[in-house]
N, C-alpha and C. Protein backbone atom coordinates (compact mmCIF):
# COMPACT_ATOMS: atom_id res chain seq x y z
N MET A 1 23.22 148.22 118.60
CA MET A 1 23.56 148.84 120.15
C MET A 1 24.27 148.33 120.92
N SER A 2 25.14 148.82 121.81
CA SER A 2 26.28 148.39 122.53
C SER A 2 25.63 147.67 123.79
N GLU A 3 26.03 146.77 124.66
CA GLU A 3 25.64 146.19 125.77
C GLU A 3 25.23 147.34 126.65
N ILE A 4 26.20 148.09 127.01
CA ILE A 4 26.10 149.51 127.59
C ILE A 4 24.92 150.13 127.51
N ARG A 5 24.58 150.55 126.17
CA ARG A 5 23.45 151.37 125.91
C ARG A 5 22.34 150.62 126.11
N ASP A 6 22.34 149.15 125.70
CA ASP A 6 21.17 148.47 126.14
C ASP A 6 20.78 148.57 127.75
N ASN A 7 22.09 148.40 128.47
CA ASN A 7 21.60 148.57 130.04
C ASN A 7 21.38 149.68 130.25
N LEU A 8 21.66 150.56 129.52
CA LEU A 8 21.40 152.20 130.29
C LEU A 8 19.58 152.14 130.03
N GLU A 9 19.24 151.64 128.74
CA GLU A 9 17.56 151.75 128.65
C GLU A 9 16.85 150.69 129.52
N ILE A 10 17.45 149.84 130.02
CA ILE A 10 16.88 148.87 131.07
C ILE A 10 16.70 149.57 132.09
N VAL A 11 17.90 150.33 132.65
CA VAL A 11 17.91 151.19 133.94
C VAL A 11 16.80 152.38 134.21
N ARG A 12 16.72 152.90 132.75
CA ARG A 12 15.88 153.89 132.39
C ARG A 12 14.45 153.50 132.55
N ARG A 13 14.40 152.28 132.08
CA ARG A 13 12.88 151.69 131.92
C ARG A 13 12.17 151.40 133.31
N ARG A 14 13.18 150.92 134.33
CA ARG A 14 13.08 150.51 135.44
C ARG A 14 12.65 151.67 136.04
N ILE A 15 13.33 152.98 135.96
CA ILE A 15 13.40 154.04 136.66
C ILE A 15 11.97 154.63 136.63
N GLU A 16 11.42 154.64 135.23
CA GLU A 16 10.11 155.16 134.97
C GLU A 16 9.01 154.21 135.53
N GLU A 17 9.05 152.96 135.56
CA GLU A 17 8.08 151.96 136.23
C GLU A 17 8.01 152.26 137.85
N ALA A 18 9.30 152.42 138.36
CA ALA A 18 9.20 152.78 139.76
C ALA A 18 8.74 153.96 140.04
N CYS A 19 8.87 155.23 139.12
CA CYS A 19 8.08 156.34 139.55
C CYS A 19 6.68 156.38 139.02
N GLN A 20 6.45 155.40 138.18
CA GLN A 20 4.75 155.15 137.76
C GLN A 20 4.15 154.75 139.30
N ARG A 21 4.83 153.48 139.91
CA ARG A 21 4.39 152.77 140.95
C ARG A 21 3.97 153.91 142.22
N ALA A 22 5.16 154.98 142.19
CA ALA A 22 5.21 155.82 143.21
C ALA A 22 4.24 157.26 142.79
N GLY A 23 3.59 157.17 141.69
CA GLY A 23 3.15 158.23 141.25
C GLY A 23 3.71 159.59 141.36
N ARG A 24 5.19 159.22 140.62
CA ARG A 24 6.11 160.54 140.54
C ARG A 24 6.41 160.90 139.01
N ASP A 25 7.15 161.79 138.64
CA ASP A 25 7.59 161.84 137.20
C ASP A 25 8.78 161.50 137.20
N ALA A 26 9.39 160.63 135.91
CA ALA A 26 10.58 160.29 135.87
C ALA A 26 11.82 161.39 135.65
N SER A 27 11.08 162.56 135.31
CA SER A 27 12.00 163.62 135.07
C SER A 27 12.64 163.85 136.48
N GLU A 28 12.00 163.77 137.60
CA GLU A 28 12.36 163.91 138.74
C GLU A 28 13.58 163.09 139.25
N VAL A 29 14.03 162.06 138.54
CA VAL A 29 14.97 161.38 138.91
C VAL A 29 16.15 161.44 137.79
N THR A 30 17.29 161.88 138.24
CA THR A 30 18.81 161.77 137.68
C THR A 30 19.52 160.58 137.70
N LEU A 31 19.74 160.04 136.85
CA LEU A 31 20.69 158.47 136.55
C LEU A 31 22.07 159.24 136.81
N ILE A 32 22.62 158.59 137.34
CA ILE A 32 24.33 158.73 137.60
C ILE A 32 24.75 157.31 137.20
N ALA A 33 25.44 157.60 136.05
CA ALA A 33 26.37 156.62 135.72
C ALA A 33 27.81 156.47 136.45
N VAL A 34 27.70 155.11 137.52
CA VAL A 34 28.88 155.28 138.28
C VAL A 34 29.93 154.83 137.60
N SER A 35 30.73 155.63 137.27
CA SER A 35 32.09 155.16 135.98
C SER A 35 33.46 154.76 136.66
N LYS A 36 33.37 154.38 138.16
CA LYS A 36 34.77 154.22 138.58
C LYS A 36 35.60 152.96 138.27
N THR A 37 36.77 153.14 137.97
CA THR A 37 37.55 152.05 137.18
C THR A 37 37.33 151.78 135.92
N LYS A 38 36.45 152.61 135.42
CA LYS A 38 35.81 152.16 134.05
C LYS A 38 36.94 152.77 132.97
N PRO A 39 37.18 152.26 132.03
CA PRO A 39 38.02 153.30 130.85
C PRO A 39 37.10 154.19 129.92
N VAL A 40 37.72 154.92 129.44
CA VAL A 40 37.29 156.28 129.09
C VAL A 40 36.39 155.90 127.74
N PRO A 41 36.50 154.78 127.02
CA PRO A 41 35.64 154.53 126.01
C PRO A 41 34.39 153.69 126.19
N MET A 42 34.40 152.93 127.52
CA MET A 42 33.26 152.64 128.16
C MET A 42 32.41 153.60 128.60
N LEU A 43 32.99 155.12 129.11
CA LEU A 43 31.98 156.06 129.29
C LEU A 43 31.53 156.72 127.89
N GLU A 44 32.46 156.63 126.95
CA GLU A 44 32.01 157.09 125.68
C GLU A 44 30.70 156.24 125.32
N GLU A 45 30.68 155.16 125.34
CA GLU A 45 29.62 154.54 124.87
C GLU A 45 28.55 154.77 125.73
N ALA A 46 28.61 155.08 127.01
CA ALA A 46 27.74 155.27 127.97
C ALA A 46 26.91 156.78 127.45
N TYR A 47 27.98 157.76 127.03
CA TYR A 47 27.58 159.07 126.59
C TYR A 47 26.77 159.07 125.34
N GLU A 48 26.91 158.08 124.40
CA GLU A 48 26.36 157.79 123.03
C GLU A 48 25.00 157.25 123.27
N GLY A 49 24.72 156.61 124.58
CA GLY A 49 23.66 156.10 125.09
C GLY A 49 22.68 157.03 125.84
N GLY A 50 23.21 158.38 125.88
CA GLY A 50 22.61 159.37 126.51
C GLY A 50 22.84 159.68 127.94
N ALA A 51 23.84 158.98 128.72
CA ALA A 51 24.12 159.35 129.88
C ALA A 51 25.29 160.62 129.86
N ARG A 52 24.89 161.60 130.93
CA ARG A 52 25.62 162.94 130.88
C ARG A 52 25.85 163.28 132.51
N ASP A 53 25.38 162.25 133.41
CA ASP A 53 25.95 162.52 134.84
C ASP A 53 26.80 161.05 134.93
N PHE A 54 28.14 161.25 135.41
CA PHE A 54 28.85 160.41 135.83
C PHE A 54 29.49 160.51 137.42
N GLY A 55 29.53 159.23 137.93
CA GLY A 55 29.82 159.54 139.17
C GLY A 55 31.18 158.70 139.58
N GLU A 56 32.20 159.63 140.25
CA GLU A 56 33.29 158.79 140.40
C GLU A 56 33.85 158.78 142.15
N ASN A 57 34.61 157.55 142.41
CA ASN A 57 34.76 157.52 143.73
C ASN A 57 36.36 158.26 144.19
N LYS A 58 36.87 158.12 143.16
CA LYS A 58 38.41 158.96 143.58
C LYS A 58 38.54 159.99 142.74
N VAL A 59 39.14 161.21 143.52
CA VAL A 59 39.37 162.51 142.94
C VAL A 59 40.53 162.26 141.52
N GLN A 60 41.31 161.39 141.73
CA GLN A 60 42.48 161.41 140.49
C GLN A 60 41.50 160.79 139.25
N GLU A 61 40.62 159.87 139.30
CA GLU A 61 39.88 159.17 138.37
C GLU A 61 39.25 160.38 137.73
N ILE A 62 38.64 161.48 138.48
CA ILE A 62 37.68 162.64 138.02
C ILE A 62 38.85 163.39 137.24
N GLN A 63 40.07 163.74 137.83
CA GLN A 63 40.77 164.49 137.01
C GLN A 63 41.67 163.70 135.84
N ALA A 64 41.43 162.61 135.74
CA ALA A 64 42.06 161.77 134.84
C ALA A 64 41.25 162.12 133.32
N LYS A 65 39.74 161.69 133.76
CA LYS A 65 38.56 161.81 132.73
C LYS A 65 38.03 163.02 132.39
N TYR A 66 38.61 164.01 133.13
CA TYR A 66 37.89 165.33 132.95
C TYR A 66 38.31 165.72 132.15
N GLY A 67 37.87 166.23 130.69
CA GLY A 67 38.13 166.77 129.50
C GLY A 67 38.23 165.74 128.39
N SER A 68 37.84 164.46 128.91
CA SER A 68 38.42 163.68 127.66
C SER A 68 36.70 163.07 127.35
N LEU A 69 35.76 163.71 127.80
CA LEU A 69 34.22 163.65 127.33
C LEU A 69 33.81 164.82 126.99
N PRO A 70 32.75 164.96 126.17
CA PRO A 70 32.29 166.29 125.90
C PRO A 70 31.81 167.43 126.97
N ASP A 71 31.89 168.48 127.03
CA ASP A 71 31.50 169.64 127.67
C ASP A 71 30.53 169.37 128.54
N ASP A 72 29.28 168.89 128.09
CA ASP A 72 28.10 168.85 128.53
C ASP A 72 27.96 167.18 129.62
N VAL A 73 28.96 166.95 130.14
CA VAL A 73 29.01 166.19 130.94
C VAL A 73 29.08 166.61 132.23
N ARG A 74 28.36 166.23 133.35
CA ARG A 74 28.63 166.35 134.89
C ARG A 74 29.27 165.39 135.31
N TRP A 75 30.53 165.67 135.97
CA TRP A 75 30.88 164.88 137.18
C TRP A 75 30.26 164.93 138.51
N HIS A 76 30.19 163.84 139.19
CA HIS A 76 29.69 163.86 140.49
C HIS A 76 30.91 162.95 141.34
N MET A 77 31.11 163.72 142.49
CA MET A 77 32.13 162.99 143.49
C MET A 77 31.36 162.12 144.35
N ILE A 78 31.04 160.89 144.36
CA ILE A 78 30.42 160.20 145.09
C ILE A 78 31.36 159.35 146.27
N GLY A 79 32.60 159.49 146.46
CA GLY A 79 33.27 158.44 147.06
C GLY A 79 33.88 159.53 148.54
N HIS A 80 34.23 158.93 149.14
CA HIS A 80 35.03 159.45 150.61
C HIS A 80 36.29 160.33 149.81
N LEU A 81 36.07 161.84 150.55
CA LEU A 81 36.61 162.80 149.57
C LEU A 81 37.75 163.06 151.01
N GLN A 82 39.07 163.01 150.76
CA GLN A 82 40.19 163.43 151.70
C GLN A 82 40.36 164.80 151.58
N ARG A 83 40.71 165.45 152.67
CA ARG A 83 40.50 166.75 152.93
C ARG A 83 41.71 167.55 152.01
N ASN A 84 42.74 166.75 151.98
CA ASN A 84 43.83 167.18 151.03
C ASN A 84 43.63 167.15 149.62
N LYS A 85 42.66 166.44 149.40
CA LYS A 85 42.19 166.57 147.71
C LYS A 85 41.13 167.43 147.25
N VAL A 86 40.36 168.14 148.19
CA VAL A 86 39.36 169.08 148.14
C VAL A 86 39.75 169.95 146.91
N HIS A 87 40.92 170.40 146.79
CA HIS A 87 41.28 171.33 145.68
C HIS A 87 41.28 171.19 144.61
N GLN A 88 41.48 169.64 144.55
CA GLN A 88 41.69 169.05 143.16
C GLN A 88 40.40 168.96 142.29
N VAL A 89 39.24 168.53 143.18
CA VAL A 89 37.95 168.37 142.60
C VAL A 89 36.78 169.47 142.41
N LEU A 90 37.11 170.82 143.06
CA LEU A 90 36.41 171.87 143.03
C LEU A 90 36.67 172.34 141.56
N GLY A 91 35.33 172.72 141.13
CA GLY A 91 35.43 173.28 139.88
C GLY A 91 35.46 172.28 138.71
N LYS A 92 35.49 170.84 138.95
CA LYS A 92 35.54 169.64 138.20
C LYS A 92 34.04 168.74 138.48
N ALA A 93 33.78 168.71 139.87
CA ALA A 93 32.55 167.96 140.30
C ALA A 93 31.51 169.17 140.51
N VAL A 94 30.34 168.70 139.50
CA VAL A 94 28.90 169.70 139.98
C VAL A 94 28.57 169.42 141.22
N LEU A 95 28.78 168.35 142.04
CA LEU A 95 28.23 167.95 143.27
C LEU A 95 29.08 167.25 143.68
N ILE A 96 29.34 167.52 145.04
CA ILE A 96 30.24 166.65 146.11
C ILE A 96 28.98 165.99 146.84
N HIS A 97 28.85 164.64 146.52
CA HIS A 97 27.92 163.88 147.47
C HIS A 97 28.25 163.59 148.68
N SER A 98 29.69 163.43 148.94
CA SER A 98 29.98 162.65 150.09
C SER A 98 30.56 163.40 151.43
N VAL A 99 29.79 164.48 151.70
CA VAL A 99 30.68 165.41 152.80
C VAL A 99 30.08 164.67 154.07
N ASP A 100 30.76 164.20 154.70
CA ASP A 100 30.58 163.40 155.95
C ASP A 100 31.27 163.84 157.18
N SER A 101 31.92 165.13 157.31
CA SER A 101 32.06 165.51 158.58
C SER A 101 32.17 167.06 158.21
N LEU A 102 32.45 167.50 159.34
CA LEU A 102 32.27 169.11 159.47
C LEU A 102 33.95 169.45 159.04
N ARG A 103 34.59 169.15 159.49
CA ARG A 103 36.01 169.14 158.87
C ARG A 103 36.25 169.44 157.64
N LEU A 104 35.48 168.29 156.79
CA LEU A 104 35.75 168.13 155.36
C LEU A 104 34.77 169.65 154.68
N ALA A 105 33.74 170.01 155.37
CA ALA A 105 32.67 170.89 154.86
C ALA A 105 33.80 172.12 155.15
N ARG A 106 34.64 172.27 156.34
CA ARG A 106 35.19 173.56 156.32
C ARG A 106 36.35 173.63 155.19
N GLN A 107 36.90 172.53 155.03
CA GLN A 107 38.05 172.60 154.19
C GLN A 107 37.53 173.05 152.69
N ILE A 108 36.19 172.47 152.41
CA ILE A 108 35.61 172.77 150.89
C ILE A 108 35.32 174.46 151.09
N GLU A 109 34.84 175.04 152.41
CA GLU A 109 34.81 176.28 152.37
C GLU A 109 36.03 177.01 152.05
N GLU A 110 37.28 176.64 152.73
CA GLU A 110 38.55 177.61 152.48
C GLU A 110 38.70 177.36 151.32
N GLU A 111 38.74 175.94 150.62
CA GLU A 111 39.32 175.85 149.38
C GLU A 111 38.34 176.92 147.99
N ALA A 112 37.06 176.71 148.24
CA ALA A 112 36.25 177.45 147.26
C ALA A 112 36.46 179.03 147.45
N ALA A 113 36.57 179.59 148.76
CA ALA A 113 36.81 180.81 149.00
C ALA A 113 38.28 181.40 148.40
N LYS A 114 39.05 180.38 148.54
CA LYS A 114 40.43 180.59 147.83
C LYS A 114 40.71 181.16 146.52
N LYS A 115 39.50 180.04 145.81
CA LYS A 115 39.10 180.07 144.29
C LYS A 115 38.26 181.01 143.60
N ASN A 116 37.70 181.60 144.85
CA ASN A 116 36.36 182.62 144.54
C ASN A 116 35.49 182.03 143.78
N MET A 117 35.04 180.73 144.26
CA MET A 117 33.90 179.94 143.92
C MET A 117 32.82 179.09 144.53
N GLU A 118 31.83 178.84 144.32
CA GLU A 118 30.92 178.43 145.04
C GLU A 118 30.79 176.75 144.94
N ALA A 119 30.83 175.82 146.04
CA ALA A 119 30.57 174.52 145.91
C ALA A 119 29.38 174.08 146.40
N ASP A 120 28.45 173.11 145.48
CA ASP A 120 27.42 172.32 146.01
C ASP A 120 27.56 171.13 146.57
N ILE A 121 27.15 170.87 147.82
CA ILE A 121 27.40 169.70 148.20
C ILE A 121 25.76 168.89 148.82
N LEU A 122 26.28 167.63 149.19
CA LEU A 122 25.09 166.76 149.86
C LEU A 122 25.81 166.38 151.36
N LEU A 123 25.14 166.36 152.27
CA LEU A 123 25.53 165.54 153.50
C LEU A 123 25.43 164.10 153.39
N GLU A 124 26.39 163.20 153.40
CA GLU A 124 26.31 161.84 153.61
C GLU A 124 25.77 161.64 154.95
N ILE A 125 24.68 160.91 155.31
CA ILE A 125 24.19 160.48 156.34
C ILE A 125 23.84 158.93 156.46
N ASN A 126 24.92 158.33 157.66
CA ASN A 126 24.88 156.86 157.75
C ASN A 126 23.77 156.49 158.57
N VAL A 127 22.59 156.33 157.90
CA VAL A 127 21.28 156.15 158.36
C VAL A 127 21.31 154.62 159.32
N ALA A 128 21.99 153.79 158.40
CA ALA A 128 21.90 152.24 159.23
C ALA A 128 23.00 152.16 160.29
N LYS A 129 23.67 153.48 160.43
CA LYS A 129 25.01 153.48 161.69
C LYS A 129 25.82 152.25 161.36
N GLU A 130 26.08 151.77 160.18
CA GLU A 130 27.14 150.78 159.82
C GLU A 130 28.53 151.30 160.22
N GLU A 131 29.31 150.59 160.83
CA GLU A 131 30.51 150.95 161.40
C GLU A 131 31.45 151.32 160.01
N SER A 132 31.26 150.23 158.94
CA SER A 132 32.00 150.40 158.05
C SER A 132 32.08 151.52 157.12
N LYS A 133 30.96 152.30 157.16
CA LYS A 133 30.73 153.48 156.38
C LYS A 133 30.98 155.00 157.06
N TYR A 134 31.06 155.90 156.08
CA TYR A 134 31.11 157.10 156.63
C TYR A 134 30.00 157.96 156.76
N GLY A 135 29.90 158.88 157.25
CA GLY A 135 28.72 160.01 157.53
C GLY A 135 28.11 160.27 158.77
N PHE A 136 27.44 161.48 158.71
CA PHE A 136 26.72 161.82 159.72
C PHE A 136 25.68 160.77 160.22
N PHE A 137 25.57 160.88 161.48
CA PHE A 137 24.21 159.94 162.14
C PHE A 137 23.22 160.68 162.01
N MET A 138 22.02 160.27 162.03
CA MET A 138 20.85 161.31 162.04
C MET A 138 20.50 162.09 162.86
N GLU A 139 20.96 162.00 164.17
CA GLU A 139 20.76 162.79 165.22
C GLU A 139 21.78 163.71 165.47
N ASP A 140 22.97 163.73 164.65
CA ASP A 140 23.87 164.81 164.85
C ASP A 140 23.87 165.53 163.49
N ALA A 141 22.95 165.18 162.32
CA ALA A 141 22.98 165.76 161.14
C ALA A 141 22.34 167.27 161.16
N GLU A 142 21.12 167.46 162.06
CA GLU A 142 20.76 169.06 161.73
C GLU A 142 21.77 169.94 162.61
N ALA A 143 22.19 169.78 163.26
CA ALA A 143 23.34 170.47 164.05
C ALA A 143 24.69 171.01 162.96
N ALA A 144 24.95 169.69 162.28
CA ALA A 144 25.82 170.30 161.39
C ALA A 144 25.41 170.79 160.15
N ILE A 145 24.16 170.55 159.62
CA ILE A 145 23.39 171.22 158.41
C ILE A 145 23.28 172.80 158.93
N ARG A 146 22.94 173.18 160.08
CA ARG A 146 23.08 174.40 160.40
C ARG A 146 24.36 175.34 160.52
N GLU A 147 25.25 174.63 161.28
CA GLU A 147 26.98 175.14 161.19
C GLU A 147 27.14 175.31 159.71
N ILE A 148 26.94 174.39 158.83
CA ILE A 148 27.43 174.40 157.25
C ILE A 148 26.70 175.56 156.49
N SER A 149 25.34 175.92 156.80
CA SER A 149 24.78 176.50 156.35
C SER A 149 25.41 178.24 156.36
N THR A 150 26.28 178.50 157.68
CA THR A 150 26.82 179.82 157.53
C THR A 150 28.07 180.01 156.70
N PHE A 151 28.43 178.79 155.97
CA PHE A 151 29.87 178.85 155.28
C PHE A 151 29.18 179.23 154.05
N PRO A 152 29.82 180.65 153.58
CA PRO A 152 29.10 181.63 152.27
C PRO A 152 29.64 180.80 150.93
N HIS A 153 30.44 179.98 151.10
CA HIS A 153 31.01 179.33 149.72
C HIS A 153 30.56 177.89 149.57
N VAL A 154 29.97 177.64 150.44
CA VAL A 154 29.38 176.28 150.26
C VAL A 154 27.69 176.20 150.44
N HIS A 155 27.22 175.53 149.40
CA HIS A 155 25.53 175.18 149.78
C HIS A 155 25.28 174.09 149.52
N ILE A 156 24.65 173.62 150.84
CA ILE A 156 23.92 172.38 150.81
C ILE A 156 22.52 172.04 150.09
N ARG A 157 22.64 171.09 148.84
CA ARG A 157 21.49 170.92 148.37
C ARG A 157 20.61 169.67 148.59
N GLY A 158 21.16 169.19 149.64
CA GLY A 158 20.54 167.78 150.13
C GLY A 158 21.45 166.87 150.79
N LEU A 159 21.01 165.39 150.38
CA LEU A 159 21.44 164.60 151.60
C LEU A 159 21.75 163.18 150.38
N MET A 160 22.78 162.23 151.12
CA MET A 160 23.07 161.35 150.16
C MET A 160 23.21 160.18 151.62
N THR A 161 23.11 158.97 150.95
CA THR A 161 23.18 157.69 152.01
C THR A 161 23.59 156.47 151.00
N ILE A 162 24.73 155.72 151.54
CA ILE A 162 25.11 154.60 150.91
C ILE A 162 24.04 153.30 151.85
N ALA A 163 23.23 152.91 151.34
CA ALA A 163 22.29 151.99 152.09
C ALA A 163 23.30 150.54 152.46
N PRO A 164 22.91 149.42 153.41
CA PRO A 164 23.82 148.31 153.56
C PRO A 164 23.12 147.67 152.38
N PHE A 165 24.63 146.86 152.01
CA PHE A 165 24.43 145.83 150.91
C PHE A 165 23.46 144.73 151.39
N VAL A 166 22.35 144.45 150.80
CA VAL A 166 21.32 143.47 151.18
C VAL A 166 21.13 142.91 149.99
N GLU A 167 20.67 141.39 150.05
CA GLU A 167 20.14 140.59 148.88
C GLU A 167 18.75 140.71 148.44
N ASN A 168 18.09 141.25 149.50
CA ASN A 168 16.68 141.68 149.07
C ASN A 168 16.49 143.31 149.29
N PRO A 169 16.30 144.07 148.31
CA PRO A 169 16.26 145.58 148.20
C PRO A 169 15.23 146.09 148.91
N GLU A 170 14.13 145.24 149.38
CA GLU A 170 13.08 145.80 150.34
C GLU A 170 13.35 145.91 151.65
N GLU A 171 14.74 145.42 152.17
CA GLU A 171 15.25 145.40 153.27
C GLU A 171 15.94 146.82 153.44
N ASN A 172 15.96 147.34 152.34
CA ASN A 172 16.29 149.00 152.47
C ASN A 172 15.59 150.13 152.12
N ARG A 173 13.96 149.31 152.24
CA ARG A 173 13.20 150.17 152.05
C ARG A 173 13.02 151.46 153.33
N GLU A 174 13.10 151.00 154.51
CA GLU A 174 13.04 151.67 155.59
C GLU A 174 14.08 152.85 155.87
N ILE A 175 15.40 152.31 155.37
CA ILE A 175 16.40 153.29 155.20
C ILE A 175 16.06 154.53 154.37
N PHE A 176 15.59 154.28 153.14
CA PHE A 176 15.43 155.32 152.20
C PHE A 176 14.26 156.21 152.82
N LYS A 177 13.20 155.47 153.18
CA LYS A 177 12.08 156.41 153.71
C LYS A 177 12.50 157.01 155.03
N LYS A 178 13.51 156.66 155.72
CA LYS A 178 13.70 157.53 157.00
C LYS A 178 14.56 158.81 156.48
N LEU A 179 15.38 158.79 155.55
CA LEU A 179 16.20 159.63 154.76
C LEU A 179 15.35 160.87 154.03
N TYR A 180 14.47 160.21 153.43
CA TYR A 180 13.19 161.01 152.74
C TYR A 180 12.58 161.87 153.91
N GLU A 181 12.01 161.38 155.06
CA GLU A 181 11.50 161.86 156.05
C GLU A 181 12.23 162.93 156.75
N PHE A 182 13.42 162.70 156.83
CA PHE A 182 14.49 163.46 157.39
C PHE A 182 14.87 164.95 156.73
N ALA A 183 14.80 164.68 155.34
CA ALA A 183 14.83 165.55 154.33
C ALA A 183 13.54 166.47 154.31
N VAL A 184 12.61 165.92 154.52
CA VAL A 184 11.37 167.08 154.38
C VAL A 184 11.28 167.43 155.73
N ASP A 185 11.79 167.02 156.60
CA ASP A 185 11.52 168.01 158.01
C ASP A 185 12.68 169.10 158.02
N ILE A 186 14.01 168.61 157.50
CA ILE A 186 15.09 169.72 157.51
C ILE A 186 14.38 170.85 156.63
N GLY A 187 13.53 170.23 155.36
CA GLY A 187 13.29 171.59 154.49
C GLY A 187 12.17 172.24 154.98
N ARG A 188 11.18 171.76 155.97
CA ARG A 188 10.38 172.66 156.64
C ARG A 188 10.70 173.90 157.34
N LYS A 189 11.89 173.42 157.92
CA LYS A 189 12.90 174.35 158.94
C LYS A 189 13.28 175.68 158.34
N ASN A 190 13.29 176.06 156.74
CA ASN A 190 13.63 176.99 156.08
C ASN A 190 14.84 177.60 156.57
N ILE A 191 16.06 176.54 156.74
CA ILE A 191 17.47 177.33 157.10
C ILE A 191 18.07 177.83 156.03
N ASP A 192 18.45 179.07 156.24
CA ASP A 192 19.36 179.86 155.26
C ASP A 192 20.46 178.94 154.56
N ASN A 193 20.37 179.29 153.11
CA ASN A 193 21.53 178.39 152.38
C ASN A 193 21.42 176.80 152.14
N VAL A 194 19.91 176.64 152.62
CA VAL A 194 19.98 174.98 152.67
C VAL A 194 18.86 174.76 151.77
N THR A 195 18.88 173.87 150.91
CA THR A 195 17.56 173.12 150.34
C THR A 195 17.82 171.82 150.07
N MET A 196 16.94 171.10 150.03
CA MET A 196 16.61 169.78 150.39
C MET A 196 16.16 169.00 148.96
N ASP A 197 16.79 169.77 147.80
CA ASP A 197 15.94 169.31 146.35
C ASP A 197 16.54 168.15 146.18
N VAL A 198 17.77 167.48 146.56
CA VAL A 198 18.61 166.34 146.16
C VAL A 198 18.58 165.09 147.20
N LEU A 199 18.05 164.11 146.75
CA LEU A 199 17.82 163.09 147.73
C LEU A 199 18.81 161.94 146.75
N SER A 200 20.37 161.91 147.02
CA SER A 200 20.80 160.75 146.32
C SER A 200 21.07 159.47 147.15
N MET A 201 20.33 158.47 146.80
CA MET A 201 20.41 156.98 147.40
C MET A 201 19.76 156.24 146.35
N GLY A 202 20.38 154.96 146.47
CA GLY A 202 19.80 153.89 145.72
C GLY A 202 20.90 153.51 144.68
N MET A 203 21.36 152.35 144.52
CA MET A 203 22.63 151.77 143.59
C MET A 203 22.07 150.51 142.90
N THR A 204 23.05 149.73 142.19
CA THR A 204 22.32 148.97 141.18
C THR A 204 21.39 148.04 142.12
N GLY A 205 21.61 147.35 143.17
CA GLY A 205 20.74 146.51 143.57
C GLY A 205 19.50 147.00 144.56
N ASP A 206 19.42 148.25 144.35
CA ASP A 206 18.32 148.56 145.04
C ASP A 206 17.65 150.03 144.80
N TYR A 207 17.80 150.48 143.50
CA TYR A 207 17.72 152.03 143.15
C TYR A 207 15.99 152.30 142.84
N GLU A 208 15.57 150.72 142.37
CA GLU A 208 13.95 151.04 142.22
C GLU A 208 13.19 151.31 143.54
N VAL A 209 13.45 150.46 144.41
CA VAL A 209 13.12 150.92 145.67
C VAL A 209 13.35 152.45 146.39
N ALA A 210 14.70 152.92 146.02
CA ALA A 210 15.07 154.19 146.28
C ALA A 210 13.97 155.16 146.06
N VAL A 211 13.92 155.19 144.45
CA VAL A 211 13.09 155.78 143.92
C VAL A 211 11.50 155.94 143.93
N GLU A 212 11.08 154.60 144.87
CA GLU A 212 9.87 154.80 145.19
C GLU A 212 9.89 155.48 146.30
N GLU A 213 10.81 155.42 147.05
CA GLU A 213 10.95 156.30 148.26
C GLU A 213 11.17 157.60 148.21
N GLY A 214 11.27 158.21 147.21
CA GLY A 214 11.73 159.91 146.83
C GLY A 214 12.79 159.96 146.61
N ALA A 215 14.31 159.11 146.07
CA ALA A 215 15.26 159.70 145.31
C ALA A 215 15.28 160.28 144.27
N THR A 216 16.09 161.43 143.97
CA THR A 216 16.13 162.02 143.07
C THR A 216 17.37 161.99 142.21
N MET A 217 18.45 161.42 142.80
CA MET A 217 19.36 160.74 142.12
C MET A 217 19.82 159.48 142.56
N VAL A 218 20.10 158.48 141.88
CA VAL A 218 20.45 157.13 142.00
C VAL A 218 22.02 156.65 141.29
N ARG A 219 22.46 155.95 141.80
CA ARG A 219 23.93 155.95 141.38
C ARG A 219 24.41 154.32 141.04
N VAL A 220 24.15 154.18 139.60
CA VAL A 220 24.27 153.06 139.05
C VAL A 220 25.46 152.61 138.49
N GLY A 221 25.98 151.70 138.79
CA GLY A 221 27.47 151.07 138.05
C GLY A 221 27.51 149.86 137.37
N THR A 222 27.30 148.73 138.10
CA THR A 222 27.21 147.61 137.39
C THR A 222 26.21 147.41 136.85
N GLY A 223 24.89 148.08 137.16
CA GLY A 223 23.62 147.84 136.31
C GLY A 223 23.70 148.38 134.98
N ILE A 224 24.73 149.28 134.74
CA ILE A 224 25.05 149.84 133.35
C ILE A 224 26.34 149.32 132.79
N PHE A 225 27.50 149.44 133.34
CA PHE A 225 28.72 148.78 132.94
C PHE A 225 29.34 147.47 133.11
N GLY A 226 28.38 146.67 133.96
CA GLY A 226 28.57 145.18 133.81
C GLY A 226 29.64 145.33 135.43
N GLU A 227 29.80 143.94 135.56
CA GLU A 227 30.63 143.86 136.81
C GLU A 227 32.14 144.36 136.50
N ARG A 228 32.72 144.75 137.69
CA ARG A 228 34.11 144.84 137.34
C ARG A 228 34.98 143.73 137.45
N HIS A 229 35.83 143.92 136.71
CA HIS A 229 36.80 142.89 136.32
C HIS A 229 38.35 143.29 136.78
N TYR A 230 38.87 142.64 137.95
CA TYR A 230 39.89 142.71 138.75
C TYR A 230 40.95 141.97 138.16
N GLY A 231 41.23 141.90 136.80
CA GLY A 231 42.38 140.92 136.21
C GLY A 231 41.45 139.95 135.34
N ALA A 232 42.47 139.00 134.69
CA ALA A 232 41.92 137.86 134.20
C ALA A 232 41.97 136.70 135.14
N VAL A 233 40.88 135.86 134.84
CA VAL A 233 40.85 134.67 135.84
C VAL A 233 41.96 133.69 135.31
């Protein structure tokens, strides 16, 4: 067994245990292997270990790696997406997690219309109002959701957040709880062309807490692939 496959097993087991604690079924949670900066052979190892969902931060990495793995791989755009790169990611990413502005949503609508295709997106919510992070504040999100819901080629499937970096994952429990409650609230409003099936929240340091609070997708990079190395010491 490779280290990557061992790590995948550990993460899956922890997700299952978190689901048990929350009274959830582990099949409700999709593990996204965050493969940003990682070379294709490492992704192939993860694939051999059962990973099928891979998350990338940069459009050029999705483009470079797309087609290098088997056809049943699903690519997720999880990083900040520039409007001038939208056309490059449509048709490659099954889900854009990081729609953080109306202008970006409009660009996705325009490009999807040109390509005669439809795009599934998540709205990125900056729950903690961190200045260093992108995303809608919660108080602005419903108006944005209602506007985007009128776009015929774009479908809101749920919400995403990047919680603050903390030493103790318990500190982010309230963040995840707030996002879950907001998703439930939006879901109850039955807005046309909007579903709240996906809650993308939780990363290597706090994914177990996120699962306990309702995450349906967790984005784990370091926990699977190990620390990123920026050249030899």
